[in-house]
C-alpha atoms as a PDB file:
ATOM      1  CA  UNK A   1       8.596  -5.130 -34.306  1.00  0.00           C
ATOM      2  CA  UNK A   2      11.284  -4.947 -31.626  1.00  0.00           C
ATOM      3  CA  UNK A   3      10.133  -3.247 -28.419  1.00  0.00           C
ATOM      4  CA  UNK A   4      12.552  -2.079 -25.719  1.00  0.00           C
ATOM      5  CA  UNK A   5      11.160  -1.030 -22.351  1.00  0.00           C
ATOM      6  CA  UNK A   6      13.390   1.005 -20.045  1.00  0.00           C
ATOM      7  CA  UNK A   7      14.282  -0.830 -16.844  1.00  0.00           C
ATOM      8  CA  UNK A   8      14.007   2.459 -14.943  1.00  0.00           C
ATOM      9  CA  UNK A   9      10.477   3.226 -16.183  1.00  0.00           C
ATOM     10  CA  UNK A  10       7.777   3.727 -13.565  1.00  0.00           C
ATOM     11  CA  UNK A  11       7.534   4.518  -9.867  1.00  0.00           C
ATOM     12  CA  UNK A  12      10.689   5.733  -8.165  1.00  0.00           C
ATOM     13  CA  UNK A  13      11.377   5.121  -4.475  1.00  0.00           C
ATOM     14  CA  UNK A  14       9.901   8.426  -3.283  1.00  0.00           C
ATOM     15  CA  UNK A  15       6.710   8.097  -5.321  1.00  0.00           C
ATOM     16  CA  UNK A  16       6.094   4.471  -4.289  1.00  0.00           C
ATOM     17  CA  UNK A  17       6.650   5.406  -0.649  1.00  0.00           C
ATOM     18  CA  UNK A  18       4.158   8.301  -0.880  1.00  0.00           C
ATOM     19  CA  UNK A  19       1.476   6.344  -2.741  1.00  0.00           C
ATOM     20  CA  UNK A  20       1.767   3.358  -0.382  1.00  0.00           C
ATOM     21  CA  UNK A  21       1.449   5.748   2.572  1.00  0.00           C
ATOM     22  CA  UNK A  22      -1.838   7.182   1.269  1.00  0.00           C
ATOM     23  CA  UNK A  23      -3.373   3.791   0.495  1.00  0.00           C
ATOM     24  CA  UNK A  24      -2.426   2.470   3.923  1.00  0.00           C
ATOM     25  CA  UNK A  25      -3.750   5.591   5.673  1.00  0.00           C
ATOM     26  CA  UNK A  26      -7.017   5.423   3.712  1.00  0.00           C
ATOM     27  CA  UNK A  27      -7.549   1.898   5.038  1.00  0.00           C
ATOM     28  CA  UNK A  28      -6.534   2.482   8.648  1.00  0.00           C
ATOM     29  CA  UNK A  29      -7.282   6.102   9.585  1.00  0.00           C
ATOM     30  CA  UNK A  30     -10.338   7.129  11.533  1.00  0.00           C
ATOM     31  CA  UNK A  31     -12.013  10.150  10.013  1.00  0.00           C
ATOM     32  CA  UNK A  32     -11.382  11.890   6.731  1.00  0.00           C
ATOM     33  CA  UNK A  33      -8.085  11.667   4.850  1.00  0.00           C
ATOM     34  CA  UNK A  34      -6.702  14.485   2.708  1.00  0.00           C
ATOM     35  CA  UNK A  35      -3.573  15.116   0.666  1.00  0.00           C
ATOM     36  CA  UNK A  36      -2.190  18.631   0.330  1.00  0.00           C
ATOM     37  CA  UNK A  37      -2.082  18.788  -3.440  1.00  0.00           C
ATOM     38  CA  UNK A  38      -2.199  15.624  -5.588  1.00  0.00           C
ATOM     39  CA  UNK A  39       0.023  13.043  -3.902  1.00  0.00           C
ATOM     40  CA  UNK A  40       1.784  12.550  -7.274  1.00  0.00           C
ATOM     41  CA  UNK A  41       1.243  13.961 -10.771  1.00  0.00           C
ATOM     42  CA  UNK A  42      -0.809  11.067 -12.127  1.00  0.00           C
ATOM     43  CA  UNK A  43      -4.560  11.444 -12.609  1.00  0.00           C
ATOM     44  CA  UNK A  44      -5.204   7.690 -12.605  1.00  0.00           C
ATOM     45  CA  UNK A  45      -3.677   7.265  -9.137  1.00  0.00           C
ATOM     46  CA  UNK A  46      -5.362  10.405  -7.771  1.00  0.00           C
ATOM     47  CA  UNK A  47      -8.769   9.305  -9.116  1.00  0.00           C
ATOM     48  CA  UNK A  48      -8.371   5.820  -7.646  1.00  0.00           C
ATOM     49  CA  UNK A  49      -7.563   7.344  -4.249  1.00  0.00           C
ATOM     50  CA  UNK A  50     -10.599   9.627  -4.549  1.00  0.00           C
ATOM     51  CA  UNK A  51     -12.775   6.520  -4.923  1.00  0.00           C
ATOM     52  CA  UNK A  52     -11.344   5.359  -1.601  1.00  0.00           C
ATOM     53  CA  UNK A  53     -12.379   8.630   0.032  1.00  0.00           C
ATOM     54  CA  UNK A  54      -9.089  10.548  -0.139  1.00  0.00           C
ATOM     55  CA  UNK A  55      -9.721  14.220  -0.892  1.00  0.00           C
ATOM     56  CA  UNK A  56      -7.226  16.657  -2.413  1.00  0.00           C
ATOM     57  CA  UNK A  57      -6.700  20.047  -0.751  1.00  0.00           C
ATOM     58  CA  UNK A  58      -5.725  22.427  -3.524  1.00  0.00           C
ATOM     59  CA  UNK A  59      -5.062  25.663  -1.660  1.00  0.00           C
ATOM     60  CA  UNK A  60      -4.022  27.144   1.666  1.00  0.00           C
ATOM     61  CA  UNK A  61      -7.536  28.594   1.999  1.00  0.00           C
ATOM     62  CA  UNK A  62      -9.065  25.120   1.746  1.00  0.00           C
ATOM     63  CA  UNK A  63      -6.652  23.886   4.411  1.00  0.00           C
ATOM     64  CA  UNK A  64      -7.739  26.661   6.771  1.00  0.00           C
ATOM     65  CA  UNK A  65     -11.316  25.350   6.661  1.00  0.00           C
ATOM     66  CA  UNK A  66     -10.372  21.966   8.129  1.00  0.00           C
ATOM     67  CA  UNK A  67     -10.814  21.288  11.836  1.00  0.00           C
ATOM     68  CA  UNK A  68     -10.248  17.527  11.950  1.00  0.00           C
ATOM     69  CA  UNK A  69      -8.895  14.617   9.950  1.00  0.00           C
ATOM     70  CA  UNK A  70      -5.539  13.481   8.573  1.00  0.00           C
ATOM     71  CA  UNK A  71      -3.561  15.541   6.073  1.00  0.00           C
ATOM     72  CA  UNK A  72      -0.825  13.812   4.084  1.00  0.00           C
ATOM     73  CA  UNK A  73       1.920  15.997   2.632  1.00  0.00           C
ATOM     74  CA  UNK A  74       2.513  15.051  -0.989  1.00  0.00           C
ATOM     75  CA  UNK A  75       5.721  13.563  -2.360  1.00  0.00           C
ATOM     76  CA  UNK A  76       6.795  16.967  -3.742  1.00  0.00           C
ATOM     77  CA  UNK A  77       6.817  18.506  -0.259  1.00  0.00           C
ATOM     78  CA  UNK A  78       5.297  21.793   0.916  1.00  0.00           C
ATOM     79  CA  UNK A  79       6.613  25.113   2.258  1.00  0.00           C
ATOM     80  CA  UNK A  80       7.429  25.268   5.963  1.00  0.00           C
ATOM     81  CA  UNK A  81       4.406  27.503   6.661  1.00  0.00           C
ATOM     82  CA  UNK A  82       1.994  24.844   5.314  1.00  0.00           C
ATOM     83  CA  UNK A  83       3.452  22.123   7.516  1.00  0.00           C
ATOM     84  CA  UNK A  84       3.268  24.439  10.529  1.00  0.00           C
ATOM     85  CA  UNK A  85      -0.316  25.401   9.690  1.00  0.00           C
ATOM     86  CA  UNK A  86      -1.413  21.751   9.554  1.00  0.00           C
ATOM     87  CA  UNK A  87       0.046  21.237  13.036  1.00  0.00           C
ATOM     88  CA  UNK A  88      -1.374  24.473  14.460  1.00  0.00           C
ATOM     89  CA  UNK A  89      -4.905  23.520  13.382  1.00  0.00           C
ATOM     90  CA  UNK A  90      -4.730  20.310  15.376  1.00  0.00           C
ATOM     91  CA  UNK A  91      -4.844  18.077  12.305  1.00  0.00           C
ATOM     92  CA  UNK A  92      -3.025  14.761  12.140  1.00  0.00           C
ATOM     93  CA  UNK A  93      -0.100  15.309   9.754  1.00  0.00           C
ATOM     94  CA  UNK A  94       1.678  12.539   7.843  1.00  0.00           C
ATOM     95  CA  UNK A  95       4.719  13.708   5.902  1.00  0.00           C
ATOM     96  CA  UNK A  96       5.110  11.715   2.662  1.00  0.00           C
ATOM     97  CA  UNK A  97       7.647  14.122   1.172  1.00  0.00           C
ATOM     98  CA  UNK A  98      10.311  12.279  -0.815  1.00  0.00           C
ATOM     99  CA  UNK A  99      13.413  11.946   1.434  1.00  0.00           C
ATOM    100  CA  UNK A 100      15.588  13.374  -1.346  1.00  0.00           C
ATOM    101  CA  UNK A 101      13.395  16.478  -1.446  1.00  0.00           C
ATOM    102  CA  UNK A 102      13.544  16.761   2.365  1.00  0.00           C
ATOM    103  CA  UNK A 103      17.319  16.794   2.064  1.00  0.00           C
ATOM    104  CA  UNK A 104      17.095  19.929  -0.107  1.00  0.00           C
ATOM    105  CA  UNK A 105      14.788  21.540   2.475  1.00  0.00           C
ATOM    106  CA  UNK A 106      17.502  21.053   5.093  1.00  0.00           C
ATOM    107  CA  UNK A 107      20.209  22.393   2.785  1.00  0.00           C
ATOM    108  CA  UNK A 108      18.422  25.652   1.912  1.00  0.00           C
ATOM    109  CA  UNK A 109      17.526  26.198   5.564  1.00  0.00           C
ATOM    110  CA  UNK A 110      21.103  25.648   6.801  1.00  0.00           C
ATOM    111  CA  UNK A 111      22.715  27.663   3.984  1.00  0.00           C
ATOM    112  CA  UNK A 112      20.380  30.583   4.631  1.00  0.00           C
ATOM    113  CA  UNK A 113      21.242  30.548   8.323  1.00  0.00           C
ATOM    114  CA  UNK A 114      24.899  30.853   7.336  1.00  0.00           C
ATOM    115  CA  UNK A 115      24.064  33.995   5.383  1.00  0.00           C
ATOM    116  CA  UNK A 116      24.481  32.352   2.000  1.00  0.00           C
ATOM    117  CA  UNK A 117      22.297  32.931  -1.060  1.00  0.00           C
ATOM    118  CA  UNK A 118      20.603  29.850  -2.541  1.00  0.00           C
ATOM    119  CA  UNK A 119      20.032  29.352  -6.253  1.00  0.00           C
ATOM    120  CA  UNK A 120      17.771  26.494  -7.352  1.00  0.00           C
ATOM    121  CA  UNK A 121      17.887  25.020 -10.855  1.00  0.00           C
ATOM    122  CA  UNK A 122      14.281  24.160 -11.587  1.00  0.00           C
ATOM    123  CA  UNK A 123      10.789  25.227 -12.550  1.00  0.00           C
ATOM    124  CA  UNK A 124       9.656  28.067 -10.280  1.00  0.00           C
ATOM    125  CA  UNK A 125       6.001  27.054 -10.694  1.00  0.00           C
ATOM    126  CA  UNK A 126       6.500  23.398  -9.811  1.00  0.00           C
ATOM    127  CA  UNK A 127       5.219  22.367  -6.353  1.00  0.00           C
ATOM    128  CA  UNK A 128       8.551  20.784  -5.425  1.00  0.00           C
ATOM    129  CA  UNK A 129      10.395  24.042  -6.080  1.00  0.00           C
ATOM    130  CA  UNK A 130       7.702  26.110  -4.354  1.00  0.00           C
ATOM    131  CA  UNK A 131       8.135  23.846  -1.342  1.00  0.00           C
ATOM    132  CA  UNK A 132      11.941  24.160  -1.382  1.00  0.00           C
ATOM    133  CA  UNK A 133      11.712  27.958  -1.548  1.00  0.00           C
ATOM    134  CA  UNK A 134       9.378  27.814   1.430  1.00  0.00           C
ATOM    135  CA  UNK A 135      12.122  26.293   3.594  1.00  0.00           C
ATOM    136  CA  UNK A 136      14.795  28.841   2.681  1.00  0.00           C
ATOM    137  CA  UNK A 137      15.896  30.953   5.633  1.00  0.00           C
ATOM    138  CA  UNK A 138      17.718  33.471   3.439  1.00  0.00           C
ATOM    139  CA  UNK A 139      17.736  34.888  -0.115  1.00  0.00           C
ATOM    140  CA  UNK A 140      16.646  32.331  -2.727  1.00  0.00           C
ATOM    141  CA  UNK A 141      16.421  32.447  -6.535  1.00  0.00           C
ATOM    142  CA  UNK A 142      15.103  29.950  -9.095  1.00  0.00           C
ATOM    143  CA  UNK A 143      16.585  29.588 -12.581  1.00  0.00           C
ATOM    144  CA  UNK A 144      15.648  27.259 -15.413  1.00  0.00           C
ATOM    145  CA  UNK A 145      18.223  28.239 -18.036  1.00  0.00           C
ATOM    146  CA  UNK A 146      21.549  29.956 -18.656  1.00  0.00           C
ATOM    147  CA  UNK A 147      20.023  33.359 -19.386  1.00  0.00           C
ATOM    148  CA  UNK A 148      18.175  33.462 -16.075  1.00  0.00           C
ATOM    149  CA  UNK A 149      21.323  32.473 -14.202  1.00  0.00           C
ATOM    150  CA  UNK A 150      23.363  35.168 -15.940  1.00  0.00           C
ATOM    151  CA  UNK A 151      20.763  37.812 -15.060  1.00  0.00           C
ATOM    152  CA  UNK A 152      20.410  37.123 -11.332  1.00  0.00           C
ATOM    153  CA  UNK A 153      20.712  40.562  -9.657  1.00  0.00           C
ATOM    154  CA  UNK A 154      23.402  39.746  -7.100  1.00  0.00           C
ATOM    155  CA  UNK A 155      27.083  40.618  -7.032  1.00  0.00           C
ATOM    156  CA  UNK A 156      29.864  38.247  -8.039  1.00  0.00           C
ATOM    157  CA  UNK A 157      31.201  38.408  -4.465  1.00  0.00           C
ATOM    158  CA  UNK A 158      28.025  36.840  -3.040  1.00  0.00           C
ATOM    159  CA  UNK A 159      28.518  33.366  -1.566  1.00  0.00           C
ATOM    160  CA  UNK A 160      26.146  31.106  -3.478  1.00  0.00           C
ATOM    161  CA  UNK A 161      24.882  27.597  -2.793  1.00  0.00           C
ATOM    162  CA  UNK A 162      23.588  25.961  -5.968  1.00  0.00           C
ATOM    163  CA  UNK A 163      21.097  23.062  -5.810  1.00  0.00           C
ATOM    164  CA  UNK A 164      18.555  21.542  -8.209  1.00  0.00           C
ATOM    165  CA  UNK A 165      15.016  20.292  -8.363  1.00  0.00           C
ATOM    166  CA  UNK A 166      15.289  16.502  -8.006  1.00  0.00           C
ATOM    167  CA  UNK A 167      13.866  15.932 -11.502  1.00  0.00           C
ATOM    168  CA  UNK A 168      15.887  18.638 -13.289  1.00  0.00           C
ATOM    169  CA  UNK A 169      17.599  17.684 -16.537  1.00  0.00           C
ATOM    170  CA  UNK A 170      21.032  16.550 -15.329  1.00  0.00           C
ATOM    171  CA  UNK A 171      22.809  17.577 -18.532  1.00  0.00           C
ATOM    172  CA  UNK A 172      21.382  21.106 -18.204  1.00  0.00           C
ATOM    173  CA  UNK A 173      22.394  21.172 -14.542  1.00  0.00           C
ATOM    174  CA  UNK A 174      26.008  20.484 -15.512  1.00  0.00           C
ATOM    175  CA  UNK A 175      25.884  23.303 -18.084  1.00  0.00           C
ATOM    176  CA  UNK A 176      24.544  25.725 -15.474  1.00  0.00           C
ATOM    177  CA  UNK A 177      27.269  24.713 -13.014  1.00  0.00           C
ATOM    178  CA  UNK A 178      29.937  25.788 -15.533  1.00  0.00           C
ATOM    179  CA  UNK A 179      28.296  29.206 -15.852  1.00  0.00           C
ATOM    180  CA  UNK A 180      27.928  29.504 -12.082  1.00  0.00           C
ATOM    181  CA  UNK A 181      31.634  28.996 -11.426  1.00  0.00           C
ATOM    182  CA  UNK A 182      32.476  31.733 -13.942  1.00  0.00           C
ATOM    183  CA  UNK A 183      29.941  34.183 -12.518  1.00  0.00           C
ATOM    184  CA  UNK A 184      30.488  33.776  -8.760  1.00  0.00           C
ATOM    185  CA  UNK A 185      33.845  33.695  -7.009  1.00  0.00           C
ATOM    186  CA  UNK A 186      32.534  31.978  -3.888  1.00  0.00           C
ATOM    187  CA  UNK A 187      30.098  29.161  -4.550  1.00  0.00           C
ATOM    188  CA  UNK A 188      29.331  25.615  -3.578  1.00  0.00           C
ATOM    189  CA  UNK A 189      27.417  23.157  -5.737  1.00  0.00           C
ATOM    190  CA  UNK A 190      25.368  20.335  -4.261  1.00  0.00           C
ATOM    191  CA  UNK A 191      24.037  17.975  -6.904  1.00  0.00           C
ATOM    192  CA  UNK A 192      20.508  17.250  -5.688  1.00  0.00           C
ATOM    193  CA  UNK A 193      19.256  15.776  -8.952  1.00  0.00           C
ATOM    194  CA  UNK A 194      17.985  12.381  -7.798  1.00  0.00           C
ATOM    195  CA  UNK A 195      20.116   9.388  -8.829  1.00  0.00           C
ATOM    196  CA  UNK A 196      16.964   7.696 -10.121  1.00  0.00           C
ATOM    197  CA  UNK A 197      16.328  10.738 -12.314  1.00  0.00           C
ATOM    198  CA  UNK A 198      19.877  10.683 -13.709  1.00  0.00           C
ATOM    199  CA  UNK A 199      19.641   6.960 -14.478  1.00  0.00           C
ATOM    200  CA  UNK A 200      16.165   7.288 -16.010  1.00  0.00           C
ATOM    201  CA  UNK A 201      17.238  10.171 -18.250  1.00  0.00           C
ATOM    202  CA  UNK A 202      20.463   8.460 -19.334  1.00  0.00           C
ATOM    203  CA  UNK A 203      18.665   5.206 -20.180  1.00  0.00           C
ATOM    204  CA  UNK A 204      15.917   7.067 -22.062  1.00  0.00           C
ATOM    205  CA  UNK A 205      18.555   8.887 -24.127  1.00  0.00           C
ATOM    206  CA  UNK A 206      20.278   5.595 -25.011  1.00  0.00           C
ATOM    207  CA  UNK A 207      17.069   3.815 -26.001  1.00  0.00           C
ATOM    208  CA  UNK A 208      15.770   6.778 -28.010  1.00  0.00           C
ATOM    209  CA  UNK A 209      19.021   6.967 -29.998  1.00  0.00           C
ATOM    210  CA  UNK A 210      18.648   3.309 -31.005  1.00  0.00           C
ATOM    211  CA  UNK A 211      14.912   3.400 -31.802  1.00  0.00           C
ATOM    212  CA  UNK A 212      12.737   4.398 -34.768  1.00  0.00           C
ATOM    213  CA  UNK A 213      10.086   5.679 -32.377  1.00  0.00           C
ATOM    214  CA  UNK A 214       9.886   6.413 -28.660  1.00  0.00           C
ATOM    215  CA  UNK A 215       6.906   6.335 -26.327  1.00  0.00           C
ATOM    216  CA  UNK A 216       7.121   8.404 -23.141  1.00  0.00           C
ATOM    217  CA  UNK A 217       4.333   7.561 -20.692  1.00  0.00           C
ATOM    218  CA  UNK A 218       3.280   9.819 -17.836  1.00  0.00           C
ATOM    219  CA  UNK A 219       0.925  12.418 -16.443  1.00  0.00           C
ATOM    220  CA  UNK A 220       0.550  15.604 -18.458  1.00  0.00           C
ATOM    221  CA  UNK A 221       1.482  17.654 -15.374  1.00  0.00           C
ATOM    222  CA  UNK A 222       4.520  15.519 -14.511  1.00  0.00           C
ATOM    223  CA  UNK A 223       7.714  17.561 -14.679  1.00  0.00           C
ATOM    224  CA  UNK A 224      10.050  14.570 -14.853  1.00  0.00           C
ATOM    225  CA  UNK A 225       8.003  13.006 -17.674  1.00  0.00           C
ATOM    226  CA  UNK A 226       8.091  16.238 -19.666  1.00  0.00           C
ATOM    227  CA  UNK A 227      11.871  16.292 -19.317  1.00  0.00           C
ATOM    228  CA  UNK A 228      12.068  12.669 -20.471  1.00  0.00           C
ATOM    229  CA  UNK A 229      10.076  13.631 -23.548  1.00  0.00           C
ATOM    230  CA  UNK A 230      12.460  16.518 -24.300  1.00  0.00           C
ATOM    231  CA  UNK A 231      15.500  14.263 -23.878  1.00  0.00           C
ATOM    232  CA  UNK A 232      14.070  11.519 -26.099  1.00  0.00           C
ATOM    233  CA  UNK A 233      12.963  14.018 -28.742  1.00  0.00           C
ATOM    234  CA  UNK A 234      16.571  15.208 -29.071  1.00  0.00           C
ATOM    235  CA  UNK A 235      17.647  11.706 -30.119  1.00  0.00           C
ATOM    236  CA  UNK A 236      14.493  10.441 -31.836  1.00  0.00           C
ATOM    237  CA  UNK A 237      12.210  12.626 -33.953  1.00  0.00           C
ATOM    238  CA  UNK A 238       9.316  10.152 -33.642  1.00  0.00           C
ATOM    239  CA  UNK A 239       8.834  10.627 -29.904  1.00  0.00           C
ATOM    240  CA  UNK A 240       5.307  10.547 -28.492  1.00  0.00           C
ATOM    241  CA  UNK A 241       4.058  11.679 -25.066  1.00  0.00           C
ATOM    242  CA  UNK A 242       1.040   9.690 -23.855  1.00  0.00           C
ATOM    243  CA  UNK A 243      -0.740   9.448 -20.523  1.00  0.00           C
ATOM    244  CA  UNK A 244      -2.430   6.076 -21.117  1.00  0.00           C
ATOM    245  CA  UNK A 245      -3.053   3.630 -23.955  1.00  0.00           C
ATOM    246  CA  UNK A 246      -6.111   5.691 -24.965  1.00  0.00           C
ATOM    247  CA  UNK A 247      -3.818   8.503 -26.160  1.00  0.00           C
ATOM    248  CA  UNK A 248      -1.806   6.267 -28.489  1.00  0.00           C
ATOM    249  CA  UNK A 249      -2.413   6.518 -32.247  1.00  0.00           C
ATOM    250  CA  UNK A 250      -1.138   3.257 -33.714  1.00  0.00           C
ATOM    251  CA  UNK A 251      -1.165   4.374 -37.372  1.00  0.00           C
ATOM    252  CA  UNK A 252       2.366   5.859 -37.495  1.00  0.00           C
ATOM    253  CA  UNK A 253       3.812   2.701 -35.913  1.00  0.00           C
ATOM    254  CA  UNK A 254       3.151   0.556 -38.983  1.00  0.00           C
ATOM    255  CA  UNK A 255       6.418   1.767 -40.501  1.00  0.00           C
ATOM    256  CA  UNK A 256       8.613   1.401 -37.408  1.00  0.00           C
ATOM    257  CA  UNK A 257      10.890  -1.570 -36.740  1.00  0.00           C
ATOM    258  CA  UNK A 258      12.155  -0.676 -33.267  1.00  0.00           C
ATOM    259  CA  UNK A 259      10.084   1.119 -30.611  1.00  0.00           C
ATOM    260  CA  UNK A 260      11.415   2.235 -27.245  1.00  0.00           C
ATOM    261  CA  UNK A 261       9.260   2.817 -24.179  1.00  0.00           C
ATOM    262  CA  UNK A 262      10.012   4.759 -21.026  1.00  0.00           C
ATOM    263  CA  UNK A 263       7.844   6.334 -18.333  1.00  0.00           C
ATOM    264  CA  UNK A 264       7.934   9.006 -15.681  1.00  0.00           C
ATOM    265  CA  UNK A 265       8.506   8.401 -11.987  1.00  0.00           C
ATOM    266  CA  UNK A 266       4.780   8.705 -11.219  1.00  0.00           C
ATOM    267  CA  UNK A 267       3.518   6.255 -13.852  1.00  0.00           C
ATOM    268  CA  UNK A 268       2.004   3.013 -12.460  1.00  0.00           C
ATOM    269  CA  UNK A 269       3.421  -0.241 -13.801  1.00  0.00           C
ATOM    270  CA  UNK A 270       0.019  -1.441 -14.983  1.00  0.00           C
ATOM    271  CA  UNK A 271      -0.186   1.463 -17.456  1.00  0.00           C
ATOM    272  CA  UNK A 272       3.324   0.745 -18.786  1.00  0.00           C
ATOM    273  CA  UNK A 273       2.513  -2.962 -19.148  1.00  0.00           C
ATOM    274  CA  UNK A 274      -0.752  -2.200 -20.938  1.00  0.00           C
ATOM    275  CA  UNK A 275       0.994   0.009 -23.497  1.00  0.00           C
ATOM    276  CA  UNK A 276       3.832  -2.482 -23.993  1.00  0.00           C
ATOM    277  CA  UNK A 277       1.418  -5.404 -24.430  1.00  0.00           C
ATOM    278  CA  UNK A 278      -0.738  -3.618 -27.004  1.00  0.00           C
ATOM    279  CA  UNK A 279       2.231  -2.381 -29.041  1.00  0.00           C
ATOM    280  CA  UNK A 280       3.555  -5.955 -29.229  1.00  0.00           C
ATOM    281  CA  UNK A 281       0.145  -7.486 -30.091  1.00  0.00           C
ATOM    282  CA  UNK A 282      -0.746  -5.014 -32.836  1.00  0.00           C
ATOM    283  CA  UNK A 283       2.592  -5.253 -34.576  1.00  0.00           C
END
């Protein structure tokens, strides 16, 4: 069997930076260490950090109970009010938000101050998007498809700034931009889909099109991994979403000649290598 592993599979810059920050803080900090939300959407990494004493704060109410310790802001970022609350409670705050996400925070803040309306292409329930909305200083809307964009209740004369969740499907973003320009007379588009995301999605699409089967590895709550799965599925019917080797059923692979492998931005290399190694050994 021929196995092709995507060169872009695994940790992106922002995720590696955030994970390294937590591990280093866990070793050096005095007192308890917390992350506001899982530092990344990967249970294996979060569980390993828990063994090192890092606790996950899962709500604003939990945060309000803390009086000491270090709180690390996850790679997805948080709303402005959460960051201010951490500081106001006298907690040590370490911001591990991905720099590309921080850039969007600045954009929505500045555009709102200019009186512009912000539209975000993304998943309204994703923590990254919730965080972005929390930095908007003016009207903000979230859309995930063409229908939602068409039905936004604002006039065509409204000045709109259009941005995207960093892991949004780039092809879909381009489609939404075309609709935006037809709907609003005054608008500016800032492509905030991360370059690493664009490259990862493009490579996954190429490999899937040339493969009999495709393995997409990542956390079940990972937005960028889910999008990779959707993209690969469009080009390869035999596309499988797995979190670790344990989830892989090898039976269907007996009839495949070429298998492609890619992984989300929050998937550790050791998991990718384990899957790759076992696929090669068994076939």
